[in-house]
Amino acid sequence: MGINDERDIEANLQIGPTDQGHVRLFIVADQFEVPMDFTPDEAEEIAEEILAAAKAARAVSG
């Protein structure tokens, strides 16, 4: 299983701040809930990685 393997799984992603000063990615799929907490600095690094991936995806599809 890798990043290019397709799946028939539906999931919901919620992103927001916690009352502890972290950024939470909350993923719900079927009967699973995955809360992932990050410091603001880690969240900014993740955001940069997402933007870089979007740019690379555009290059492939465009």
N, C-alpha and C. Protein backbone atom coordinates (compact mmCIF):
# COMPACT_ATOMS: atom_id res chain seq x y z
N MET A 1 0.83 -1.17 0.00
CA MET A 1 0.00 0.00 0.00
C MET A 1 0.88 1.24 0.00
N GLY A 2 0.55 2.14 -0.90
CA GLY A 2 1.32 3.36 -0.98
C GLY A 2 0.45 4.55 -1.31
N ILE A 3 1.08 5.67 -1.49
CA ILE A 3 0.33 6.90 -1.72
C ILE A 3 -0.42 6.88 -3.05
N ASN A 4 0.01 6.09 -4.00
CA ASN A 4 -0.66 6.03 -5.30
C ASN A 4 -1.69 4.91 -5.41
N ASP A 5 -1.88 4.13 -4.36
CA ASP A 5 -2.88 3.07 -4.37
C ASP A 5 -4.26 3.66 -4.07
N GLU A 6 -5.22 3.41 -4.96
CA GLU A 6 -6.57 3.92 -4.76
C GLU A 6 -7.34 3.02 -3.80
N ARG A 7 -8.27 3.66 -3.08
CA ARG A 7 -9.11 2.94 -2.13
C ARG A 7 -10.56 3.38 -2.32
N ASP A 8 -11.48 2.52 -1.95
CA ASP A 8 -12.90 2.87 -1.96
C ASP A 8 -13.36 3.14 -0.53
N ILE A 9 -12.68 4.06 0.14
CA ILE A 9 -13.00 4.41 1.51
C ILE A 9 -13.37 5.89 1.55
N GLU A 10 -14.48 6.19 2.16
CA GLU A 10 -14.87 7.58 2.35
C GLU A 10 -14.41 8.03 3.72
N ALA A 11 -13.93 9.25 3.80
CA ALA A 11 -13.48 9.79 5.08
C ALA A 11 -13.83 11.27 5.16
N ASN A 12 -13.95 11.76 6.37
CA ASN A 12 -14.21 13.15 6.64
C ASN A 12 -13.00 13.73 7.35
N LEU A 13 -12.53 14.87 6.90
CA LEU A 13 -11.38 15.52 7.51
C LEU A 13 -11.82 16.86 8.08
N GLN A 14 -11.55 17.06 9.36
CA GLN A 14 -11.81 18.34 10.01
C GLN A 14 -10.48 18.88 10.51
N ILE A 15 -10.29 20.18 10.40
CA ILE A 15 -9.05 20.82 10.83
C ILE A 15 -9.42 22.03 11.68
N GLY A 16 -8.78 22.14 12.84
CA GLY A 16 -9.05 23.29 13.69
C GLY A 16 -8.13 23.36 14.89
N PRO A 17 -8.19 24.47 15.60
CA PRO A 17 -7.36 24.63 16.79
C PRO A 17 -7.98 23.92 17.99
N THR A 18 -7.14 23.46 18.89
CA THR A 18 -7.62 22.87 20.13
C THR A 18 -7.54 23.90 21.25
N ASP A 19 -8.17 23.58 22.36
CA ASP A 19 -8.09 24.49 23.52
C ASP A 19 -6.74 24.40 24.23
N GLN A 20 -5.87 23.53 23.73
CA GLN A 20 -4.52 23.39 24.29
C GLN A 20 -3.46 24.10 23.43
N GLY A 21 -3.90 24.82 22.39
CA GLY A 21 -2.97 25.55 21.55
C GLY A 21 -2.32 24.73 20.45
N HIS A 22 -2.94 23.61 20.11
CA HIS A 22 -2.45 22.78 19.02
C HIS A 22 -3.40 22.90 17.83
N VAL A 23 -2.97 22.38 16.71
CA VAL A 23 -3.82 22.25 15.53
C VAL A 23 -4.16 20.77 15.41
N ARG A 24 -5.45 20.48 15.29
CA ARG A 24 -5.88 19.09 15.20
C ARG A 24 -6.41 18.78 13.81
N LEU A 25 -5.90 17.69 13.25
CA LEU A 25 -6.50 17.06 12.08
C LEU A 25 -7.32 15.91 12.63
N PHE A 26 -8.60 15.91 12.35
CA PHE A 26 -9.50 14.88 12.87
C PHE A 26 -10.10 14.14 11.70
N ILE A 27 -9.76 12.87 11.57
CA ILE A 27 -10.19 12.05 10.44
C ILE A 27 -11.20 11.02 10.93
N VAL A 28 -12.34 10.95 10.26
CA VAL A 28 -13.37 9.97 10.57
C VAL A 28 -13.62 9.15 9.32
N ALA A 29 -13.48 7.82 9.45
CA ALA A 29 -13.73 6.91 8.33
C ALA A 29 -14.36 5.65 8.89
N ASP A 30 -15.51 5.29 8.35
CA ASP A 30 -16.26 4.13 8.84
C ASP A 30 -16.43 4.26 10.35
N GLN A 31 -15.86 3.33 11.12
CA GLN A 31 -15.99 3.36 12.57
C GLN A 31 -14.71 3.83 13.25
N PHE A 32 -13.81 4.43 12.48
CA PHE A 32 -12.53 4.87 13.03
C PHE A 32 -12.50 6.39 13.16
N GLU A 33 -11.94 6.85 14.26
CA GLU A 33 -11.68 8.26 14.46
C GLU A 33 -10.20 8.42 14.77
N VAL A 34 -9.52 9.31 14.03
CA VAL A 34 -8.08 9.51 14.21
C VAL A 34 -7.82 10.99 14.48
N PRO A 35 -7.62 11.36 15.75
CA PRO A 35 -7.23 12.73 16.05
C PRO A 35 -5.71 12.85 15.99
N MET A 36 -5.23 13.84 15.28
CA MET A 36 -3.79 14.06 15.15
C MET A 36 -3.50 15.50 15.54
N ASP A 37 -2.77 15.70 16.63
CA ASP A 37 -2.47 17.03 17.13
C ASP A 37 -1.04 17.43 16.77
N PHE A 38 -0.89 18.71 16.37
CA PHE A 38 0.40 19.24 15.97
C PHE A 38 0.60 20.60 16.61
N THR A 39 1.84 20.96 16.86
CA THR A 39 2.14 22.31 17.30
C THR A 39 1.88 23.25 16.13
N PRO A 40 1.71 24.53 16.38
CA PRO A 40 1.53 25.45 15.25
C PRO A 40 2.68 25.39 14.25
N ASP A 41 3.91 25.24 14.73
CA ASP A 41 5.05 25.14 13.80
C ASP A 41 4.95 23.89 12.94
N GLU A 42 4.59 22.76 13.55
CA GLU A 42 4.43 21.52 12.78
C GLU A 42 3.31 21.67 11.76
N ALA A 43 2.22 22.33 12.17
CA ALA A 43 1.08 22.52 11.26
C ALA A 43 1.49 23.37 10.05
N GLU A 44 2.31 24.38 10.29
CA GLU A 44 2.78 25.21 9.17
C GLU A 44 3.67 24.40 8.23
N GLU A 45 4.50 23.52 8.77
CA GLU A 45 5.32 22.64 7.92
C GLU A 45 4.44 21.73 7.08
N ILE A 46 3.39 21.19 7.69
CA ILE A 46 2.47 20.32 6.96
C ILE A 46 1.78 21.11 5.85
N ALA A 47 1.36 22.34 6.17
CA ALA A 47 0.71 23.18 5.16
C ALA A 47 1.64 23.44 3.99
N GLU A 48 2.92 23.67 4.27
CA GLU A 48 3.90 23.88 3.18
C GLU A 48 4.03 22.62 2.33
N GLU A 49 4.02 21.45 2.98
CA GLU A 49 4.12 20.19 2.23
C GLU A 49 2.88 19.98 1.36
N ILE A 50 1.71 20.35 1.87
CA ILE A 50 0.47 20.21 1.09
C ILE A 50 0.53 21.14 -0.13
N LEU A 51 0.97 22.37 0.07
CA LEU A 51 1.08 23.31 -1.05
C LEU A 51 2.08 22.82 -2.09
N ALA A 52 3.20 22.26 -1.65
CA ALA A 52 4.19 21.73 -2.59
C ALA A 52 3.62 20.54 -3.36
N ALA A 53 2.86 19.69 -2.68
CA ALA A 53 2.25 18.54 -3.35
C ALA A 53 1.20 19.00 -4.36
N ALA A 54 0.43 20.04 -4.01
CA ALA A 54 -0.56 20.57 -4.96
C ALA A 54 0.11 21.12 -6.21
N LYS A 55 1.22 21.81 -6.01
CA LYS A 55 1.98 22.35 -7.16
C LYS A 55 2.50 21.22 -8.03
N ALA A 56 3.03 20.16 -7.41
CA ALA A 56 3.55 19.02 -8.17
C ALA A 56 2.41 18.29 -8.89
N ALA A 57 1.25 18.18 -8.25
CA ALA A 57 0.10 17.53 -8.89
C ALA A 57 -0.37 18.31 -10.10
N ARG A 58 -0.35 19.63 -10.00
CA ARG A 58 -0.73 20.46 -11.15
C ARG A 58 0.22 20.24 -12.32
N ALA A 59 1.48 20.09 -12.02
CA ALA A 59 2.47 19.87 -13.07
C ALA A 59 2.23 18.54 -13.79
N VAL A 60 1.78 17.54 -13.06
CA VAL A 60 1.50 16.23 -13.65
C VAL A 60 0.23 16.28 -14.48
N SER A 61 -0.80 16.94 -13.98
CA SER A 61 -2.09 16.93 -14.67
C SER A 61 -2.22 18.03 -15.72
N GLY A 62 -1.30 18.99 -15.73
CA GLY A 62 -1.43 20.12 -16.65
C GLY A 62 -0.53 19.99 -17.78
